[in-house]
């Protein structure tokens, strides 16, 4: 969680160019893709996240949080 309103705004407006870590950007790419094109998610998407240190639990958690919005 962050209290940096400028960072929150930057992520909301354009997360792809926001000043966030590559790992966070990869997770946001995943959540965006699963939201817009769920049937296109494949093993390569999971491998990309694992390469950033995320495990299955983190992926499910991100999807659940994204689904609350």
C-alpha atoms as a PDB file:
ATOM      1  CA  UNK A   1       0.000   0.000   0.000  1.00  0.00           C
ATOM      2  CA  UNK A   2       1.206   3.502  -0.731  1.00  0.00           C
ATOM      3  CA  UNK A   3       0.156   6.895   0.439  1.00  0.00           C
ATOM      4  CA  UNK A   4       1.898   8.572  -2.487  1.00  0.00           C
ATOM      5  CA  UNK A   5      -1.021  10.193  -4.291  1.00  0.00           C
ATOM      6  CA  UNK A   6       1.132  11.091  -7.295  1.00  0.00           C
ATOM      7  CA  UNK A   7       2.147   7.469  -7.763  1.00  0.00           C
ATOM      8  CA  UNK A   8      -1.448   6.292  -7.444  1.00  0.00           C
ATOM      9  CA  UNK A   9      -2.528   8.855 -10.036  1.00  0.00           C
ATOM     10  CA  UNK A  10       0.281   7.865 -12.400  1.00  0.00           C
ATOM     11  CA  UNK A  11      -0.727   4.199 -12.161  1.00  0.00           C
ATOM     12  CA  UNK A  12      -4.394   4.990 -12.700  1.00  0.00           C
ATOM     13  CA  UNK A  13      -3.688   7.189 -15.710  1.00  0.00           C
ATOM     14  CA  UNK A  14      -1.059   5.020 -17.440  1.00  0.00           C
ATOM     15  CA  UNK A  15       0.520   2.206 -15.448  1.00  0.00           C
ATOM     16  CA  UNK A  16       2.738   1.244 -18.390  1.00  0.00           C
ATOM     17  CA  UNK A  17       4.669   4.500 -17.986  1.00  0.00           C
ATOM     18  CA  UNK A  18       4.288   4.925 -14.223  1.00  0.00           C
ATOM     19  CA  UNK A  19       7.432   4.797 -12.067  1.00  0.00           C
ATOM     20  CA  UNK A  20       6.910   1.244 -10.786  1.00  0.00           C
ATOM     21  CA  UNK A  21       9.123  -1.819 -10.690  1.00  0.00           C
ATOM     22  CA  UNK A  22       9.278  -4.219 -13.626  1.00  0.00           C
ATOM     23  CA  UNK A  23       7.681  -6.862 -11.387  1.00  0.00           C
ATOM     24  CA  UNK A  24       4.725  -4.631 -10.558  1.00  0.00           C
ATOM     25  CA  UNK A  25       4.333  -3.695 -14.216  1.00  0.00           C
ATOM     26  CA  UNK A  26       4.336  -7.384 -15.176  1.00  0.00           C
ATOM     27  CA  UNK A  27       1.604  -8.089 -12.627  1.00  0.00           C
ATOM     28  CA  UNK A  28      -0.481  -5.171 -13.881  1.00  0.00           C
ATOM     29  CA  UNK A  29       0.006  -6.419 -17.465  1.00  0.00           C
ATOM     30  CA  UNK A  30      -1.286  -9.817 -16.334  1.00  0.00           C
ATOM     31  CA  UNK A  31      -4.315  -8.407 -14.525  1.00  0.00           C
ATOM     32  CA  UNK A  32      -5.105  -6.160 -17.484  1.00  0.00           C
ATOM     33  CA  UNK A  33      -4.847  -9.053 -19.922  1.00  0.00           C
ATOM     34  CA  UNK A  34      -6.971 -11.353 -17.794  1.00  0.00           C
ATOM     35  CA  UNK A  35      -9.587  -8.602 -17.476  1.00  0.00           C
ATOM     36  CA  UNK A  36      -9.726  -7.741 -21.176  1.00  0.00           C
ATOM     37  CA  UNK A  37      -8.836 -11.059 -22.855  1.00  0.00           C
ATOM     38  CA  UNK A  38      -9.045 -13.853 -20.279  1.00  0.00           C
ATOM     39  CA  UNK A  39      -9.083 -16.609 -22.878  1.00  0.00           C
ATOM     40  CA  UNK A  40      -5.717 -15.458 -24.224  1.00  0.00           C
ATOM     41  CA  UNK A  41      -3.884 -16.131 -20.934  1.00  0.00           C
ATOM     42  CA  UNK A  42      -1.421 -18.956 -21.350  1.00  0.00           C
ATOM     43  CA  UNK A  43       1.597 -20.631 -19.792  1.00  0.00           C
ATOM     44  CA  UNK A  44       3.894 -17.886 -21.091  1.00  0.00           C
ATOM     45  CA  UNK A  45       2.008 -15.312 -19.026  1.00  0.00           C
ATOM     46  CA  UNK A  46       2.477 -17.380 -15.870  1.00  0.00           C
ATOM     47  CA  UNK A  47       6.141 -17.977 -16.708  1.00  0.00           C
ATOM     48  CA  UNK A  48       6.706 -14.238 -17.077  1.00  0.00           C
ATOM     49  CA  UNK A  49       5.286 -13.627 -13.612  1.00  0.00           C
ATOM     50  CA  UNK A  50       7.284 -16.484 -12.102  1.00  0.00           C
ATOM     51  CA  UNK A  51      10.369 -14.876 -13.624  1.00  0.00           C
ATOM     52  CA  UNK A  52       9.612 -11.823 -11.503  1.00  0.00           C
ATOM     53  CA  UNK A  53       9.286 -13.936  -8.362  1.00  0.00           C
ATOM     54  CA  UNK A  54       5.510 -14.356  -8.208  1.00  0.00           C
ATOM     55  CA  UNK A  55       4.023 -17.715  -7.292  1.00  0.00           C
ATOM     56  CA  UNK A  56       0.574 -19.152  -8.005  1.00  0.00           C
ATOM     57  CA  UNK A  57      -0.823 -17.701  -4.786  1.00  0.00           C
ATOM     58  CA  UNK A  58       0.258 -14.177  -5.800  1.00  0.00           C
ATOM     59  CA  UNK A  59      -1.291 -14.586  -9.243  1.00  0.00           C
ATOM     60  CA  UNK A  60      -4.621 -15.732  -7.809  1.00  0.00           C
ATOM     61  CA  UNK A  61      -4.511 -12.940  -5.229  1.00  0.00           C
ATOM     62  CA  UNK A  62      -3.936 -10.305  -7.902  1.00  0.00           C
ATOM     63  CA  UNK A  63      -6.839 -11.599  -9.958  1.00  0.00           C
ATOM     64  CA  UNK A  64      -9.105 -11.599  -6.904  1.00  0.00           C
ATOM     65  CA  UNK A  65      -8.155  -8.025  -6.033  1.00  0.00           C
ATOM     66  CA  UNK A  66      -8.599  -6.945  -9.658  1.00  0.00           C
ATOM     67  CA  UNK A  67     -12.026  -8.528  -9.656  1.00  0.00           C
ATOM     68  CA  UNK A  68     -13.129  -6.390  -6.694  1.00  0.00           C
ATOM     69  CA  UNK A  69     -12.705  -3.175  -8.674  1.00  0.00           C
END
